[in-house]
Structure formats: structure tokens, C-alpha cells
Amino acid sequence: MPDLAELNHFIVTAKAETYVGDGERLPSCRNGSHDIGYASGRWRYLDSYFGGTNFAGQELVWLDDEPVWAMNYFGRIVEPDLIDGTTAGMIIKASLLRLYLDEKRFLGGFEFDHPLGRYVDRSTGGCDHFIGHEVILINECKAYELDYRGGLIIP
């Protein structure tokens, strides 16, 4: 079983280097998937998702080539008259950049006011088992939402 502090540190770094940091895209590992990965020492991370405006995906972490952690997510634009996928992505990336780099975490709740909308994330649990929900509010109206859950993989 991985050390949870070390795992959490790796996940935060991997998330900052991939989606948020516009990391290098990998060849699709499944027909139609968008894949992005990161590796450091004994650790490896893959974020693989399908779709665009509405999307579903999974993040996986391996330690010494054994899967140890996973997170599944589904996100969608709720109010297309208020926000599009490009704008939602800009708000999410700016918000998560602050969370990952300033607070060195990815769980526990977070709010960020962006000029284009307010990002709000709520989660319960720790790196070993968690569930969460993120939204973007435009003029107090929910324009985008994403649900996620994950934790340790134990053989």
C-alpha cells in the first residue's frame, strides 16, 4: 500500500503538470479517448477521457507498475447560454492552478473567483476514498458541473 502523503503529493504534481499545465498529449489508449500522462520515479499517472463539452474520464496512478489509485469523473455544461466548454476550461484551469500550486492539495473544498465565473468545489473524504462535486456559477446560476469519486485500489 502506498504512503498516502507521498501519493497525495504525486497526484497534485501530476494534475498540475497534465490538464492544468497543458502537458503533452499521449497517443489514445482507447478508441476516441484523449490521454495525457505524467511520470516521476516509481510513479506513473494517466488521465484518459472522452467527449468535450460533456465528458467522462478516469485518472489512474501506478506505483512500480501496479495500479494503486483511481478517480472517475463526469462533467457537463448545464447552461450553454451562459458558458461554453472553452470558457469553462479556462476557469477550471485557473482555479485548479491556485489549488495545486498554492495549497498543494486536490481535495477538501475550494472556491475561486475568476473574472468569467465563480468556481466552487466540495468534497468529502481523503486520498484513500473520496467523493466530490465542482461547479461554475455565472451570476449565481450553475452553468457547469462535474461529479467525481475515487480512492485506493486494493487487490
C-alpha atoms as a PDB file:
ATOM      1  CA  MET A   1       0.000   0.000   0.000  1.00  0.00           C
ATOM      2  CA  PRO A   2       1.421   3.427  -0.906  1.00  0.00           C
ATOM      3  CA  ASP A   3       2.223   6.099   1.660  1.00  0.00           C
ATOM      4  CA  LEU A   4      -0.814   8.418   1.491  1.00  0.00           C
ATOM      5  CA  ALA A   5       1.192  11.638   1.894  1.00  0.00           C
ATOM      6  CA  GLU A   6       3.551  10.598  -0.908  1.00  0.00           C
ATOM      7  CA  LEU A   7       0.599   9.536  -3.085  1.00  0.00           C
ATOM      8  CA  ASN A   8      -1.232  12.825  -2.471  1.00  0.00           C
ATOM      9  CA  HIS A   9       1.917  14.815  -3.345  1.00  0.00           C
ATOM     10  CA  PHE A  10       2.367  12.842  -6.578  1.00  0.00           C
ATOM     11  CA  ILE A  11      -1.302  13.284  -7.583  1.00  0.00           C
ATOM     12  CA  VAL A  12      -1.169  17.055  -7.028  1.00  0.00           C
ATOM     13  CA  THR A  13       2.055  17.303  -9.055  1.00  0.00           C
ATOM     14  CA  ALA A  14       0.685  15.097 -11.845  1.00  0.00           C
ATOM     15  CA  LYS A  15      -2.574  17.055 -12.075  1.00  0.00           C
ATOM     16  CA  ALA A  16      -0.642  20.355 -12.207  1.00  0.00           C
ATOM     17  CA  GLU A  17       1.646  19.009 -14.961  1.00  0.00           C
ATOM     18  CA  THR A  18      -1.071  17.481 -17.151  1.00  0.00           C
ATOM     19  CA  TYR A  19      -4.524  19.028 -17.653  1.00  0.00           C
ATOM     20  CA  VAL A  20      -3.874  22.263 -15.755  1.00  0.00           C
ATOM     21  CA  GLY A  21      -0.367  22.655 -17.159  1.00  0.00           C
ATOM     22  CA  ASP A  22      -1.332  21.749 -20.727  1.00  0.00           C
ATOM     23  CA  GLY A  23       1.002  18.749 -20.622  1.00  0.00           C
ATOM     24  CA  GLU A  24       1.942  16.643 -23.608  1.00  0.00           C
ATOM     25  CA  ARG A  25      -0.879  14.601 -25.119  1.00  0.00           C
ATOM     26  CA  LEU A  26      -0.299  10.858 -25.381  1.00  0.00           C
ATOM     27  CA  PRO A  27      -1.469   8.518 -28.130  1.00  0.00           C
ATOM     28  CA  SER A  28      -5.034   7.400 -27.486  1.00  0.00           C
ATOM     29  CA  CYS A  29      -5.073   4.218 -25.380  1.00  0.00           C
ATOM     30  CA  ARG A  30      -8.736   3.534 -26.250  1.00  0.00           C
ATOM     31  CA  ASN A  31     -10.610   4.333 -29.441  1.00  0.00           C
ATOM     32  CA  GLY A  32     -11.669   8.009 -29.208  1.00  0.00           C
ATOM     33  CA  SER A  33     -10.023   8.803 -25.866  1.00  0.00           C
ATOM     34  CA  HIS A  34      -7.991  11.913 -25.081  1.00  0.00           C
ATOM     35  CA  ASP A  35      -4.981  10.894 -22.975  1.00  0.00           C
ATOM     36  CA  ILE A  36      -2.414  12.845 -21.016  1.00  0.00           C
ATOM     37  CA  GLY A  37       0.147  11.436 -18.616  1.00  0.00           C
ATOM     38  CA  TYR A  38       2.965  12.143 -16.206  1.00  0.00           C
ATOM     39  CA  ALA A  39       5.686  10.006 -14.625  1.00  0.00           C
ATOM     40  CA  SER A  40       8.210  10.572 -11.859  1.00  0.00           C
ATOM     41  CA  GLY A  41      10.463   7.865 -10.436  1.00  0.00           C
ATOM     42  CA  ARG A  42       8.392   4.850  -9.418  1.00  0.00           C
ATOM     43  CA  TRP A  43       5.108   6.711 -10.039  1.00  0.00           C
ATOM     44  CA  ARG A  44       3.014   6.988 -13.223  1.00  0.00           C
ATOM     45  CA  TYR A  45      -0.259   8.886 -13.866  1.00  0.00           C
ATOM     46  CA  LEU A  46      -2.756   8.760 -16.732  1.00  0.00           C
ATOM     47  CA  ASP A  47      -5.824  10.923 -17.316  1.00  0.00           C
ATOM     48  CA  SER A  48      -7.981   9.416 -20.085  1.00  0.00           C
ATOM     49  CA  TYR A  49     -11.315  10.947 -21.078  1.00  0.00           C
ATOM     50  CA  PHE A  50     -13.958  11.011 -23.784  1.00  0.00           C
ATOM     51  CA  GLY A  51     -16.002  13.927 -25.069  1.00  0.00           C
ATOM     52  CA  GLY A  52     -15.611  17.672 -24.906  1.00  0.00           C
ATOM     53  CA  THR A  53     -18.465  19.848 -23.679  1.00  0.00           C
ATOM     54  CA  ASN A  54     -19.938  16.825 -21.906  1.00  0.00           C
ATOM     55  CA  PHE A  55     -17.194  14.386 -20.940  1.00  0.00           C
ATOM     56  CA  ALA A  56     -16.347  11.338 -18.852  1.00  0.00           C
ATOM     57  CA  GLY A  57     -12.973  10.103 -17.758  1.00  0.00           C
ATOM     58  CA  GLN A  58     -10.720   8.298 -15.369  1.00  0.00           C
ATOM     59  CA  GLU A  59      -7.419   9.123 -13.725  1.00  0.00           C
ATOM     60  CA  LEU A  60      -5.111   6.284 -12.667  1.00  0.00           C
ATOM     61  CA  VAL A  61      -1.890   6.123 -10.652  1.00  0.00           C
ATOM     62  CA  TRP A  62       0.588   3.258 -10.735  1.00  0.00           C
ATOM     63  CA  LEU A  63       3.402   2.636  -8.257  1.00  0.00           C
ATOM     64  CA  ASP A  64       6.072   0.273  -9.585  1.00  0.00           C
ATOM     65  CA  ASP A  65       3.712  -0.608 -12.467  1.00  0.00           C
ATOM     66  CA  GLU A  66       0.915  -1.692 -10.086  1.00  0.00           C
ATOM     67  CA  PRO A  67      -2.353   0.302 -10.123  1.00  0.00           C
ATOM     68  CA  VAL A  68      -2.837   1.873  -6.677  1.00  0.00           C
ATOM     69  CA  TRP A  69      -5.320   4.741  -7.097  1.00  0.00           C
ATOM     70  CA  ALA A  70      -8.147   5.793  -9.424  1.00  0.00           C
ATOM     71  CA  MET A  71     -10.694   8.573  -9.853  1.00  0.00           C
ATOM     72  CA  ASN A  72     -13.720   8.636 -12.193  1.00  0.00           C
ATOM     73  CA  TYR A  73     -15.482  11.817 -13.296  1.00  0.00           C
ATOM     74  CA  PHE A  74     -18.327  13.131 -15.443  1.00  0.00           C
ATOM     75  CA  GLY A  75     -18.740  16.813 -16.326  1.00  0.00           C
ATOM     76  CA  ARG A  76     -21.166  18.815 -18.424  1.00  0.00           C
ATOM     77  CA  ILE A  77     -22.313  22.264 -19.396  1.00  0.00           C
ATOM     78  CA  VAL A  78     -25.644  22.845 -17.634  1.00  0.00           C
ATOM     79  CA  GLU A  79     -26.465  26.247 -19.175  1.00  0.00           C
ATOM     80  CA  PRO A  80     -24.984  26.592 -22.676  1.00  0.00           C
ATOM     81  CA  ASP A  81     -26.423  30.107 -22.933  1.00  0.00           C
ATOM     82  CA  LEU A  82     -24.169  31.154 -20.033  1.00  0.00           C
ATOM     83  CA  ILE A  83     -20.932  29.273 -20.714  1.00  0.00           C
ATOM     84  CA  ASP A  84     -19.199  27.159 -23.347  1.00  0.00           C
ATOM     85  CA  GLY A  85     -16.584  24.433 -22.992  1.00  0.00           C
ATOM     86  CA  THR A  86     -13.649  26.732 -23.755  1.00  0.00           C
ATOM     87  CA  THR A  87     -14.633  29.275 -21.104  1.00  0.00           C
ATOM     88  CA  ALA A  88     -15.355  26.548 -18.551  1.00  0.00           C
ATOM     89  CA  GLY A  89     -11.903  25.072 -19.225  1.00  0.00           C
ATOM     90  CA  MET A  90     -10.232  28.461 -18.705  1.00  0.00           C
ATOM     91  CA  ILE A  91     -11.990  28.963 -15.348  1.00  0.00           C
ATOM     92  CA  ILE A  92     -11.246  25.419 -14.188  1.00  0.00           C
ATOM     93  CA  LYS A  93      -7.555  25.588 -15.133  1.00  0.00           C
ATOM     94  CA  ALA A  94      -7.048  28.967 -13.419  1.00  0.00           C
ATOM     95  CA  SER A  95      -8.849  27.730 -10.296  1.00  0.00           C
ATOM     96  CA  LEU A  96      -7.056  24.392 -10.045  1.00  0.00           C
ATOM     97  CA  LEU A  97      -3.682  26.041 -10.681  1.00  0.00           C
ATOM     98  CA  ARG A  98      -4.210  28.061  -7.485  1.00  0.00           C
ATOM     99  CA  LEU A  99      -5.339  24.972  -5.557  1.00  0.00           C
ATOM    100  CA  TYR A 100      -2.472  22.736  -6.687  1.00  0.00           C
ATOM    101  CA  LEU A 101       0.368  25.263  -6.585  1.00  0.00           C
ATOM    102  CA  ASP A 102      -0.668  27.450  -3.641  1.00  0.00           C
ATOM    103  CA  GLU A 103      -2.341  24.884  -1.389  1.00  0.00           C
ATOM    104  CA  LYS A 104      -0.604  21.672  -2.581  1.00  0.00           C
ATOM    105  CA  ARG A 105      -3.807  19.627  -2.449  1.00  0.00           C
ATOM    106  CA  PHE A 106      -6.706  18.442  -4.607  1.00  0.00           C
ATOM    107  CA  LEU A 107      -9.386  17.612  -2.009  1.00  0.00           C
ATOM    108  CA  GLY A 108     -11.142  19.398   0.827  1.00  0.00           C
ATOM    109  CA  GLY A 109     -13.156  22.075  -0.902  1.00  0.00           C
ATOM    110  CA  PHE A 110     -12.093  25.213  -2.719  1.00  0.00           C
ATOM    111  CA  GLU A 111     -13.591  28.415  -4.116  1.00  0.00           C
ATOM    112  CA  PHE A 112     -12.098  30.798  -6.653  1.00  0.00           C
ATOM    113  CA  ASP A 113     -13.475  33.971  -8.194  1.00  0.00           C
ATOM    114  CA  HIS A 114     -12.457  34.241 -11.830  1.00  0.00           C
ATOM    115  CA  PRO A 115     -13.481  37.282 -13.919  1.00  0.00           C
ATOM    116  CA  LEU A 116     -15.664  34.955 -16.037  1.00  0.00           C
ATOM    117  CA  GLY A 117     -17.311  32.978 -13.206  1.00  0.00           C
ATOM    118  CA  ARG A 118     -17.052  31.549  -9.704  1.00  0.00           C
ATOM    119  CA  TYR A 119     -15.527  28.067  -9.295  1.00  0.00           C
ATOM    120  CA  VAL A 120     -16.747  26.050  -6.287  1.00  0.00           C
ATOM    121  CA  ASP A 121     -15.560  22.553  -5.331  1.00  0.00           C
ATOM    122  CA  ARG A 122     -16.814  20.466  -2.406  1.00  0.00           C
ATOM    123  CA  SER A 123     -15.531  17.028  -1.441  1.00  0.00           C
ATOM    124  CA  THR A 124     -15.585  14.620   1.460  1.00  0.00           C
ATOM    125  CA  GLY A 125     -13.013  12.012   2.386  1.00  0.00           C
ATOM    126  CA  GLY A 126      -9.303  11.734   1.837  1.00  0.00           C
ATOM    127  CA  CYS A 127      -6.967  10.466  -0.844  1.00  0.00           C
ATOM    128  CA  ASP A 128      -7.831   6.862   0.120  1.00  0.00           C
ATOM    129  CA  HIS A 129     -11.608   7.302  -0.543  1.00  0.00           C
ATOM    130  CA  PHE A 130     -13.443  10.462  -1.591  1.00  0.00           C
ATOM    131  CA  ILE A 131     -16.409  11.915  -3.453  1.00  0.00           C
ATOM    132  CA  GLY A 132     -16.836  15.443  -4.768  1.00  0.00           C
ATOM    133  CA  HIS A 133     -18.708  17.917  -6.912  1.00  0.00           C
ATOM    134  CA  GLU A 134     -17.460  21.025  -8.708  1.00  0.00           C
ATOM    135  CA  VAL A 135     -19.496  23.798 -10.309  1.00  0.00           C
ATOM    136  CA  ILE A 136     -19.027  27.064 -12.122  1.00  0.00           C
ATOM    137  CA  LEU A 137     -21.513  29.759 -11.217  1.00  0.00           C
ATOM    138  CA  ILE A 138     -22.321  32.616 -13.562  1.00  0.00           C
ATOM    139  CA  ASN A 139     -24.364  35.321 -11.806  1.00  0.00           C
ATOM    140  CA  GLU A 140     -25.234  32.768  -9.070  1.00  0.00           C
ATOM    141  CA  CYS A 141     -26.588  30.308 -11.672  1.00  0.00           C
ATOM    142  CA  LYS A 142     -24.980  26.869 -12.044  1.00  0.00           C
ATOM    143  CA  ALA A 143     -23.608  26.841 -15.593  1.00  0.00           C
ATOM    144  CA  TYR A 144     -21.259  23.812 -15.384  1.00  0.00           C
ATOM    145  CA  GLU A 145     -20.959  20.798 -13.076  1.00  0.00           C
ATOM    146  CA  LEU A 146     -18.718  17.788 -12.563  1.00  0.00           C
ATOM    147  CA  ASP A 147     -19.031  14.829 -10.190  1.00  0.00           C
ATOM    148  CA  TYR A 148     -16.020  12.763  -9.160  1.00  0.00           C
ATOM    149  CA  ARG A 149     -15.127   9.893  -6.840  1.00  0.00           C
ATOM    150  CA  GLY A 150     -12.142   7.719  -6.219  1.00  0.00           C
ATOM    151  CA  GLY A 151      -9.584   6.242  -3.880  1.00  0.00           C
ATOM    152  CA  LEU A 152      -7.126   3.453  -3.335  1.00  0.00           C
ATOM    153  CA  ILE A 153      -7.182   0.312  -5.425  1.00  0.00           C
ATOM    154  CA  ILE A 154      -6.591  -2.686  -3.147  1.00  0.00           C
ATOM    155  CA  PRO A 155      -6.058  -6.133  -4.708  1.00  0.00           C
END
